[in-house]
């Protein structure tokens, strides 16, 4: 995840969403841009996007798991960037 390459989506109801991190192929975690209280799994394919709301506590676990995965594979830059997002969002 590169801080200079932030990704945003427009949710039909909740407005601008900020990409927190990728989860798996074609699936990413997003949060509302300003309050960072609502979280969504966003799944995308050729034809559409789908938004699946998740609880804040579940989103936190997802990011913690992603941090562990990045540390395990030695992706230091991605790890540091996601750690900064984690601190801003959950602490």
PDB file of N, CA and C in Angstrom:
ATOM      1  N   UNK A   1       0.847  -1.180   0.000  1.00  0.00           N
ATOM      2  CA  UNK A   1       0.000   0.000   0.000  1.00  0.00           C
ATOM      3  C   UNK A   1       0.883   1.230   0.000  1.00  0.00           C
ATOM      4  N   UNK A   2       0.674   2.112  -0.923  1.00  0.00           N
ATOM      5  CA  UNK A   2       1.496   3.298  -1.087  1.00  0.00           C
ATOM      6  C   UNK A   2       0.686   4.526  -0.693  1.00  0.00           C
ATOM      7  N   UNK A   3       1.171   5.271   0.274  1.00  0.00           N
ATOM      8  CA  UNK A   3       0.462   6.457   0.731  1.00  0.00           C
ATOM      9  C   UNK A   3       0.246   7.466  -0.383  1.00  0.00           C
ATOM     10  N   UNK A   4       1.095   7.491  -1.394  1.00  0.00           N
ATOM     11  CA  UNK A   4       0.944   8.430  -2.486  1.00  0.00           C
ATOM     12  C   UNK A   4      -0.062   7.948  -3.514  1.00  0.00           C
ATOM     13  N   UNK A   5      -0.580   6.760  -3.335  1.00  0.00           N
ATOM     14  CA  UNK A   5      -1.520   6.185  -4.277  1.00  0.00           C
ATOM     15  C   UNK A   5      -2.777   5.763  -3.529  1.00  0.00           C
ATOM     16  N   UNK A   6      -3.418   6.708  -2.849  1.00  0.00           N
ATOM     17  CA  UNK A   6      -4.622   6.411  -2.088  1.00  0.00           C
ATOM     18  C   UNK A   6      -5.763   6.150  -3.053  1.00  0.00           C
ATOM     19  N   UNK A   7      -6.663   5.259  -2.638  1.00  0.00           N
ATOM     20  CA  UNK A   7      -7.776   4.874  -3.487  1.00  0.00           C
ATOM     21  C   UNK A   7      -9.086   5.209  -2.796  1.00  0.00           C
ATOM     22  N   UNK A   8     -10.006   5.778  -3.561  1.00  0.00           N
ATOM     23  CA  UNK A   8     -11.310   6.161  -3.041  1.00  0.00           C
ATOM     24  C   UNK A   8     -12.397   5.581  -3.934  1.00  0.00           C
ATOM     25  N   UNK A   9     -13.550   5.334  -3.320  1.00  0.00           N
ATOM     26  CA  UNK A   9     -14.740   4.899  -4.054  1.00  0.00           C
ATOM     27  C   UNK A   9     -15.909   5.725  -3.573  1.00  0.00           C
ATOM     28  N   UNK A  10     -16.908   5.873  -4.418  1.00  0.00           N
ATOM     29  CA  UNK A  10     -18.113   6.564  -4.002  1.00  0.00           C
ATOM     30  C   UNK A  10     -19.199   5.529  -3.697  1.00  0.00           C
ATOM     31  N   UNK A  11     -19.604   5.449  -2.437  1.00  0.00           N
ATOM     32  CA  UNK A  11     -20.690   4.557  -2.024  1.00  0.00           C
ATOM     33  C   UNK A  11     -22.009   5.270  -2.300  1.00  0.00           C
ATOM     34  N   UNK A  12     -23.011   4.553  -2.812  1.00  0.00           N
ATOM     35  CA  UNK A  12     -24.269   5.218  -3.179  1.00  0.00           C
ATOM     36  C   UNK A  12     -24.986   5.887  -2.001  1.00  0.00           C
ATOM     37  N   UNK A  13     -24.789   5.415  -0.788  1.00  0.00           N
ATOM     38  CA  UNK A  13     -25.468   5.982   0.373  1.00  0.00           C
ATOM     39  C   UNK A  13     -24.537   6.762   1.286  1.00  0.00           C
ATOM     40  N   UNK A  14     -23.331   6.242   1.518  1.00  0.00           N
ATOM     41  CA  UNK A  14     -22.451   6.798   2.528  1.00  0.00           C
ATOM     42  C   UNK A  14     -21.365   7.718   1.977  1.00  0.00           C
ATOM     43  N   UNK A  15     -21.368   7.954   0.683  1.00  0.00           N
ATOM     44  CA  UNK A  15     -20.427   8.899   0.095  1.00  0.00           C
ATOM     45  C   UNK A  15     -19.046   8.314  -0.109  1.00  0.00           C
ATOM     46  N   UNK A  16     -18.045   9.162   0.042  1.00  0.00           N
ATOM     47  CA  UNK A  16     -16.678   8.790  -0.281  1.00  0.00           C
ATOM     48  C   UNK A  16     -16.100   7.792   0.722  1.00  0.00           C
ATOM     49  N   UNK A  17     -15.543   6.706   0.194  1.00  0.00           N
ATOM     50  CA  UNK A  17     -14.890   5.680   1.000  1.00  0.00           C
ATOM     51  C   UNK A  17     -13.399   5.677   0.688  1.00  0.00           C
ATOM     52  N   UNK A  18     -12.590   5.365   1.707  1.00  0.00           N
ATOM     53  CA  UNK A  18     -11.138   5.319   1.609  1.00  0.00           C
ATOM     54  C   UNK A  18     -10.687   3.864   1.720  1.00  0.00           C
ATOM     55  N   UNK A  19      -9.802   3.438   0.820  1.00  0.00           N
ATOM     56  CA  UNK A  19      -9.298   2.064   0.853  1.00  0.00           C
ATOM     57  C   UNK A  19      -8.305   1.902   1.996  1.00  0.00           C
ATOM     58  N   UNK A  20      -8.602   0.967   2.894  1.00  0.00           N
ATOM     59  CA  UNK A  20      -7.717   0.670   4.016  1.00  0.00           C
ATOM     60  C   UNK A  20      -6.638  -0.297   3.567  1.00  0.00           C
ATOM     61  N   UNK A  21      -7.061  -1.434   2.965  1.00  0.00           N
ATOM     62  CA  UNK A  21      -6.078  -2.413   2.493  1.00  0.00           C
ATOM     63  C   UNK A  21      -6.759  -3.468   1.634  1.00  0.00           C
ATOM     64  N   UNK A  22      -5.959  -4.148   0.800  1.00  0.00           N
ATOM     65  CA  UNK A  22      -6.493  -5.297   0.066  1.00  0.00           C
ATOM     66  C   UNK A  22      -6.665  -6.472   1.023  1.00  0.00           C
ATOM     67  N   UNK A  23      -7.628  -7.312   0.735  1.00  0.00           N
ATOM     68  CA  UNK A  23      -7.878  -8.497   1.561  1.00  0.00           C
ATOM     69  C   UNK A  23      -7.480  -9.757   0.796  1.00  0.00           C
ATOM     70  N   UNK A  24      -7.963  -9.870  -0.410  1.00  0.00           N
ATOM     71  CA  UNK A  24      -7.646 -10.991  -1.300  1.00  0.00           C
ATOM     72  C   UNK A  24      -7.929 -10.508  -2.706  1.00  0.00           C
ATOM     73  N   UNK A  25      -7.731 -11.355  -3.682  1.00  0.00           N
ATOM     74  CA  UNK A  25      -7.995 -10.947  -5.062  1.00  0.00           C
ATOM     75  C   UNK A  25      -9.415 -10.414  -5.186  1.00  0.00           C
ATOM     76  N   UNK A  26      -9.541  -9.222  -5.753  1.00  0.00           N
ATOM     77  CA  UNK A  26     -10.829  -8.591  -6.022  1.00  0.00           C
ATOM     78  C   UNK A  26     -11.626  -8.235  -4.771  1.00  0.00           C
ATOM     79  N   UNK A  27     -10.983  -8.188  -3.598  1.00  0.00           N
ATOM     80  CA  UNK A  27     -11.691  -7.843  -2.366  1.00  0.00           C
ATOM     81  C   UNK A  27     -10.799  -6.941  -1.511  1.00  0.00           C
ATOM     82  N   UNK A  28     -11.373  -5.817  -1.078  1.00  0.00           N
ATOM     83  CA  UNK A  28     -10.616  -4.840  -0.317  1.00  0.00           C
ATOM     84  C   UNK A  28     -11.455  -4.316   0.835  1.00  0.00           C
ATOM     85  N   UNK A  29     -10.773  -3.759   1.825  1.00  0.00           N
ATOM     86  CA  UNK A  29     -11.447  -3.149   2.967  1.00  0.00           C
ATOM     87  C   UNK A  29     -11.441  -1.639   2.788  1.00  0.00           C
ATOM     88  N   UNK A  30     -12.614  -1.031   2.905  1.00  0.00           N
ATOM     89  CA  UNK A  30     -12.776   0.416   2.815  1.00  0.00           C
ATOM     90  C   UNK A  30     -13.474   0.923   4.067  1.00  0.00           C
ATOM     91  N   UNK A  31     -13.281   2.211   4.346  1.00  0.00           N
ATOM     92  CA  UNK A  31     -13.985   2.877   5.440  1.00  0.00           C
ATOM     93  C   UNK A  31     -14.493   4.227   4.952  1.00  0.00           C
ATOM     94  N   UNK A  32     -15.490   4.750   5.660  1.00  0.00           N
ATOM     95  CA  UNK A  32     -15.963   6.088   5.315  1.00  0.00           C
ATOM     96  C   UNK A  32     -14.812   7.068   5.518  1.00  0.00           C
ATOM     97  N   UNK A  33     -14.697   8.011   4.643  1.00  0.00           N
ATOM     98  CA  UNK A  33     -13.518   8.880   4.607  1.00  0.00           C
ATOM     99  C   UNK A  33     -13.381   9.745   5.858  1.00  0.00           C
ATOM    100  N   UNK A  34     -14.447  10.378   6.288  1.00  0.00           N
ATOM    101  CA  UNK A  34     -14.301  11.386   7.335  1.00  0.00           C
ATOM    102  C   UNK A  34     -14.431  10.812   8.733  1.00  0.00           C
ATOM    103  N   UNK A  35     -15.446  10.042   9.011  1.00  0.00           N
ATOM    104  CA  UNK A  35     -15.658   9.534  10.375  1.00  0.00           C
ATOM    105  C   UNK A  35     -14.871   8.252  10.638  1.00  0.00           C
ATOM    106  N   UNK A  36     -14.604   7.473   9.615  1.00  0.00           N
ATOM    107  CA  UNK A  36     -13.934   6.172   9.730  1.00  0.00           C
ATOM    108  C   UNK A  36     -14.603   5.303  10.793  1.00  0.00           C
ATOM    109  N   UNK A  37     -15.919   5.286  10.744  1.00  0.00           N
ATOM    110  CA  UNK A  37     -16.712   4.484  11.670  1.00  0.00           C
ATOM    111  C   UNK A  37     -17.415   3.325  10.977  1.00  0.00           C
ATOM    112  N   UNK A  38     -17.689   3.482   9.706  1.00  0.00           N
ATOM    113  CA  UNK A  38     -18.352   2.423   8.940  1.00  0.00           C
ATOM    114  C   UNK A  38     -17.322   1.768   8.037  1.00  0.00           C
ATOM    115  N   UNK A  39     -17.379   0.440   7.988  1.00  0.00           N
ATOM    116  CA  UNK A  39     -16.406  -0.317   7.200  1.00  0.00           C
ATOM    117  C   UNK A  39     -17.139  -1.238   6.237  1.00  0.00           C
ATOM    118  N   UNK A  40     -16.507  -1.476   5.093  1.00  0.00           N
ATOM    119  CA  UNK A  40     -17.103  -2.307   4.046  1.00  0.00           C
ATOM    120  C   UNK A  40     -16.041  -3.177   3.401  1.00  0.00           C
ATOM    121  N   UNK A  41     -16.419  -4.426   3.130  1.00  0.00           N
ATOM    122  CA  UNK A  41     -15.667  -5.223   2.180  1.00  0.00           C
ATOM    123  C   UNK A  41     -16.217  -4.826   0.818  1.00  0.00           C
ATOM    124  N   UNK A  42     -15.335  -4.481  -0.086  1.00  0.00           N
ATOM    125  CA  UNK A  42     -15.744  -4.144  -1.444  1.00  0.00           C
ATOM    126  C   UNK A  42     -15.178  -5.221  -2.353  1.00  0.00           C
ATOM    127  N   UNK A  43     -16.076  -5.887  -3.039  1.00  0.00           N
ATOM    128  CA  UNK A  43     -15.692  -6.922  -3.986  1.00  0.00           C
ATOM    129  C   UNK A  43     -15.973  -6.384  -5.386  1.00  0.00           C
ATOM    130  N   UNK A  44     -15.002  -6.548  -6.263  1.00  0.00           N
ATOM    131  CA  UNK A  44     -15.171  -6.014  -7.614  1.00  0.00           C
ATOM    132  C   UNK A  44     -14.844  -7.089  -8.639  1.00  0.00           C
ATOM    133  N   UNK A  45     -15.617  -7.028  -9.706  1.00  0.00           N
ATOM    134  CA  UNK A  45     -15.339  -7.862 -10.867  1.00  0.00           C
ATOM    135  C   UNK A  45     -15.555  -7.003 -12.106  1.00  0.00           C
ATOM    136  N   UNK A  46     -15.532  -7.607 -13.256  1.00  0.00           N
ATOM    137  CA  UNK A  46     -15.651  -6.837 -14.503  1.00  0.00           C
ATOM    138  C   UNK A  46     -16.931  -6.014 -14.565  1.00  0.00           C
ATOM    139  N   UNK A  47     -18.012  -6.531 -13.997  1.00  0.00           N
ATOM    140  CA  UNK A  47     -19.324  -5.928 -14.198  1.00  0.00           C
ATOM    141  C   UNK A  47     -19.766  -4.963 -13.101  1.00  0.00           C
ATOM    142  N   UNK A  48     -19.321  -5.172 -11.848  1.00  0.00           N
ATOM    143  CA  UNK A  48     -19.862  -4.326 -10.785  1.00  0.00           C
ATOM    144  C   UNK A  48     -19.016  -4.358  -9.513  1.00  0.00           C
ATOM    145  N   UNK A  49     -19.432  -3.535  -8.573  1.00  0.00           N
ATOM    146  CA  UNK A  49     -18.875  -3.508  -7.224  1.00  0.00           C
ATOM    147  C   UNK A  49     -19.963  -3.943  -6.260  1.00  0.00           C
ATOM    148  N   UNK A  50     -19.575  -4.679  -5.230  1.00  0.00           N
ATOM    149  CA  UNK A  50     -20.538  -4.983  -4.171  1.00  0.00           C
ATOM    150  C   UNK A  50     -19.954  -4.533  -2.847  1.00  0.00           C
ATOM    151  N   UNK A  51     -20.807  -3.982  -2.005  1.00  0.00           N
ATOM    152  CA  UNK A  51     -20.421  -3.444  -0.705  1.00  0.00           C
ATOM    153  C   UNK A  51     -21.035  -4.311   0.384  1.00  0.00           C
ATOM    154  N   UNK A  52     -20.197  -4.849   1.253  1.00  0.00           N
ATOM    155  CA  UNK A  52     -20.660  -5.670   2.372  1.00  0.00           C
ATOM    156  C   UNK A  52     -20.243  -4.973   3.665  1.00  0.00           C
ATOM    157  N   UNK A  53     -21.210  -4.420   4.415  1.00  0.00           N
ATOM    158  CA  UNK A  53     -20.830  -3.738   5.657  1.00  0.00           C
ATOM    159  C   UNK A  53     -20.308  -4.729   6.693  1.00  0.00           C
ATOM    160  N   UNK A  54     -19.307  -4.311   7.451  1.00  0.00           N
ATOM    161  CA  UNK A  54     -18.793  -5.147   8.535  1.00  0.00           C
ATOM    162  C   UNK A  54     -18.609  -4.277   9.770  1.00  0.00           C
ATOM    163  N   UNK A  55     -18.592  -4.916  10.924  1.00  0.00           N
ATOM    164  CA  UNK A  55     -18.433  -4.191  12.183  1.00  0.00           C
ATOM    165  C   UNK A  55     -17.007  -3.662  12.307  1.00  0.00           C
ATOM    166  N   UNK A  56     -16.868  -2.589  13.055  1.00  0.00           N
ATOM    167  CA  UNK A  56     -15.563  -1.977  13.294  1.00  0.00           C
ATOM    168  C   UNK A  56     -14.596  -2.986  13.914  1.00  0.00           C
ATOM    169  N   UNK A  57     -15.073  -3.778  14.877  1.00  0.00           N
ATOM    170  CA  UNK A  57     -14.200  -4.763  15.530  1.00  0.00           C
ATOM    171  C   UNK A  57     -13.726  -5.820  14.538  1.00  0.00           C
ATOM    172  N   UNK A  58     -14.590  -6.214  13.608  1.00  0.00           N
ATOM    173  CA  UNK A  58     -14.188  -7.181  12.581  1.00  0.00           C
ATOM    174  C   UNK A  58     -13.185  -6.563  11.611  1.00  0.00           C
ATOM    175  N   UNK A  59     -13.403  -5.299  11.269  1.00  0.00           N
ATOM    176  CA  UNK A  59     -12.462  -4.606  10.378  1.00  0.00           C
ATOM    177  C   UNK A  59     -11.091  -4.517  11.031  1.00  0.00           C
ATOM    178  N   UNK A  60     -11.075  -4.255  12.312  1.00  0.00           N
ATOM    179  CA  UNK A  60      -9.803  -4.166  13.039  1.00  0.00           C
ATOM    180  C   UNK A  60      -9.057  -5.500  12.979  1.00  0.00           C
ATOM    181  N   UNK A  61      -9.778  -6.596  13.185  1.00  0.00           N
ATOM    182  CA  UNK A  61      -9.157  -7.930  13.099  1.00  0.00           C
ATOM    183  C   UNK A  61      -8.613  -8.204  11.707  1.00  0.00           C
ATOM    184  N   UNK A  62      -9.355  -7.806  10.694  1.00  0.00           N
ATOM    185  CA  UNK A  62      -8.915  -8.008   9.311  1.00  0.00           C
ATOM    186  C   UNK A  62      -7.599  -7.268   9.066  1.00  0.00           C
ATOM    187  N   UNK A  63      -7.506  -6.027   9.533  1.00  0.00           N
ATOM    188  CA  UNK A  63      -6.286  -5.250   9.328  1.00  0.00           C
ATOM    189  C   UNK A  63      -5.137  -5.848  10.133  1.00  0.00           C
ATOM    190  N   UNK A  64      -5.411  -6.292  11.364  1.00  0.00           N
ATOM    191  CA  UNK A  64      -4.356  -6.924  12.167  1.00  0.00           C
ATOM    192  C   UNK A  64      -3.826  -8.183  11.480  1.00  0.00           C
ATOM    193  N   UNK A  65      -4.722  -8.963  10.899  1.00  0.00           N
ATOM    194  CA  UNK A  65      -4.296 -10.160  10.167  1.00  0.00           C
ATOM    195  C   UNK A  65      -3.469  -9.795   8.936  1.00  0.00           C
ATOM    196  N   UNK A  66      -3.869  -8.734   8.257  1.00  0.00           N
ATOM    197  CA  UNK A  66      -3.118  -8.290   7.080  1.00  0.00           C
ATOM    198  C   UNK A  66      -1.723  -7.802   7.491  1.00  0.00           C
ATOM    199  N   UNK A  67      -1.635  -7.097   8.627  1.00  0.00           N
ATOM    200  CA  UNK A  67      -0.333  -6.656   9.127  1.00  0.00           C
ATOM    201  C   UNK A  67       0.579  -7.849   9.413  1.00  0.00           C
ATOM    202  N   UNK A  68       0.029  -8.878  10.051  1.00  0.00           N
ATOM    203  CA  UNK A  68       0.820 -10.097  10.323  1.00  0.00           C
ATOM    204  C   UNK A  68       1.301 -10.738   9.032  1.00  0.00           C
ATOM    205  N   UNK A  69       0.414 -10.793   8.041  1.00  0.00           N
ATOM    206  CA  UNK A  69       0.774 -11.382   6.756  1.00  0.00           C
ATOM    207  C   UNK A  69       1.895 -10.589   6.087  1.00  0.00           C
ATOM    208  N   UNK A  70       1.794  -9.268   6.095  1.00  0.00           N
ATOM    209  CA  UNK A  70       2.833  -8.435   5.471  1.00  0.00           C
ATOM    210  C   UNK A  70       4.162  -8.586   6.186  1.00  0.00           C
ATOM    211  N   UNK A  71       4.126  -8.670   7.505  1.00  0.00           N
ATOM    212  CA  UNK A  71       5.370  -8.839   8.276  1.00  0.00           C
ATOM    213  C   UNK A  71       5.998 -10.191   7.963  1.00  0.00           C
ATOM    214  N   UNK A  72       5.157 -11.215   7.849  1.00  0.00           N
ATOM    215  CA  UNK A  72       5.634 -12.578   7.585  1.00  0.00           C
ATOM    216  C   UNK A  72       6.317 -12.683   6.223  1.00  0.00           C
ATOM    217  N   UNK A  73       5.784 -11.976   5.230  1.00  0.00           N
ATOM    218  CA  UNK A  73       6.369 -12.072   3.884  1.00  0.00           C
ATOM    219  C   UNK A  73       7.471 -11.033   3.662  1.00  0.00           C
ATOM    220  N   UNK A  74       7.711 -10.174   4.654  1.00  0.00           N
ATOM    221  CA  UNK A  74       8.798  -9.210   4.541  1.00  0.00           C
ATOM    222  C   UNK A  74       8.484  -7.999   3.684  1.00  0.00           C
ATOM    223  N   UNK A  75       7.215  -7.653   3.572  1.00  0.00           N
ATOM    224  CA  UNK A  75       6.820  -6.472   2.794  1.00  0.00           C
ATOM    225  C   UNK A  75       6.880  -5.246   3.703  1.00  0.00           C
ATOM    226  N   UNK A  76       8.102  -4.785   3.971  1.00  0.00           N
ATOM    227  CA  UNK A  76       8.327  -3.752   4.981  1.00  0.00           C
ATOM    228  C   UNK A  76       7.630  -2.424   4.684  1.00  0.00           C
ATOM    229  N   UNK A  77       7.696  -1.967   3.462  1.00  0.00           N
ATOM    230  CA  UNK A  77       7.083  -0.678   3.124  1.00  0.00           C
ATOM    231  C   UNK A  77       5.570  -0.762   3.259  1.00  0.00           C
ATOM    232  N   UNK A  78       4.970  -1.816   2.711  1.00  0.00           N
ATOM    233  CA  UNK A  78       3.519  -2.003   2.835  1.00  0.00           C
ATOM    234  C   UNK A  78       3.118  -2.135   4.295  1.00  0.00           C
ATOM    235  N   UNK A  79       3.940  -2.848   5.073  1.00  0.00           N
ATOM    236  CA  UNK A  79       3.667  -3.027   6.501  1.00  0.00           C
ATOM    237  C   UNK A  79       3.660  -1.677   7.219  1.00  0.00           C
ATOM    238  N   UNK A  80       4.675  -0.859   6.982  1.00  0.00           N
ATOM    239  CA  UNK A  80       4.759   0.442   7.658  1.00  0.00           C
ATOM    240  C   UNK A  80       3.605   1.346   7.258  1.00  0.00           C
ATOM    241  N   UNK A  81       3.246   1.345   5.979  1.00  0.00           N
ATOM    242  CA  UNK A  81       2.130   2.164   5.511  1.00  0.00           C
ATOM    243  C   UNK A  81       0.811   1.719   6.127  1.00  0.00           C
ATOM    244  N   UNK A  82       0.574   0.409   6.159  1.00  0.00           N
ATOM    245  CA  UNK A  82      -0.669  -0.094   6.735  1.00  0.00           C
ATOM    246  C   UNK A  82      -0.693   0.120   8.243  1.00  0.00           C
ATOM    247  N   UNK A  83       0.450   0.017   8.891  1.00  0.00           N
ATOM    248  CA  UNK A  83       0.522   0.263  10.325  1.00  0.00           C
ATOM    249  C   UNK A  83       0.121   1.712  10.640  1.00  0.00           C
ATOM    250  N   UNK A  84       0.530   2.653   9.814  1.00  0.00           N
ATOM    251  CA  UNK A  84       0.153   4.048  10.009  1.00  0.00           C
ATOM    252  C   UNK A  84      -1.360   4.222   9.843  1.00  0.00           C
ATOM    253  N   UNK A  85      -1.933   3.567   8.836  1.00  0.00           N
ATOM    254  CA  UNK A  85      -3.387   3.623   8.632  1.00  0.00           C
ATOM    255  C   UNK A  85      -4.104   2.993   9.830  1.00  0.00           C
ATOM    256  N   UNK A  86      -3.576   1.873  10.320  1.00  0.00           N
ATOM    257  CA  UNK A  86      -4.163   1.183  11.471  1.00  0.00           C
ATOM    258  C   UNK A  86      -4.197   2.110  12.694  1.00  0.00           C
ATOM    259  N   UNK A  87      -3.077   2.762  12.970  1.00  0.00           N
ATOM    260  CA  UNK A  87      -3.012   3.665  14.135  1.00  0.00           C
ATOM    261  C   UNK A  87      -3.986   4.827  13.987  1.00  0.00           C
ATOM    262  N   UNK A  88      -4.053   5.410  12.792  1.00  0.00           N
ATOM    263  CA  UNK A  88      -4.982   6.523  12.554  1.00  0.00           C
ATOM    264  C   UNK A  88      -6.439   6.102  12.694  1.00  0.00           C
ATOM    265  N   UNK A  89      -6.729   4.882  12.280  1.00  0.00           N
ATOM    266  CA  UNK A  89      -8.110   4.433  12.207  1.00  0.00           C
ATOM    267  C   UNK A  89      -8.609   3.807  13.509  1.00  0.00           C
ATOM    268  N   UNK A  90      -7.780   3.050  14.187  1.00  0.00           N
ATOM    269  CA  UNK A  90      -8.266   2.251  15.312  1.00  0.00           C
ATOM    270  C   UNK A  90      -7.737   2.673  16.684  1.00  0.00           C
ATOM    271  N   UNK A  91      -6.818   3.616  16.756  1.00  0.00           N
ATOM    272  CA  UNK A  91      -6.288   3.978  18.076  1.00  0.00           C
ATOM    273  C   UNK A  91      -6.544   5.425  18.406  1.00  0.00           C
TER     274      UNK A  91
END
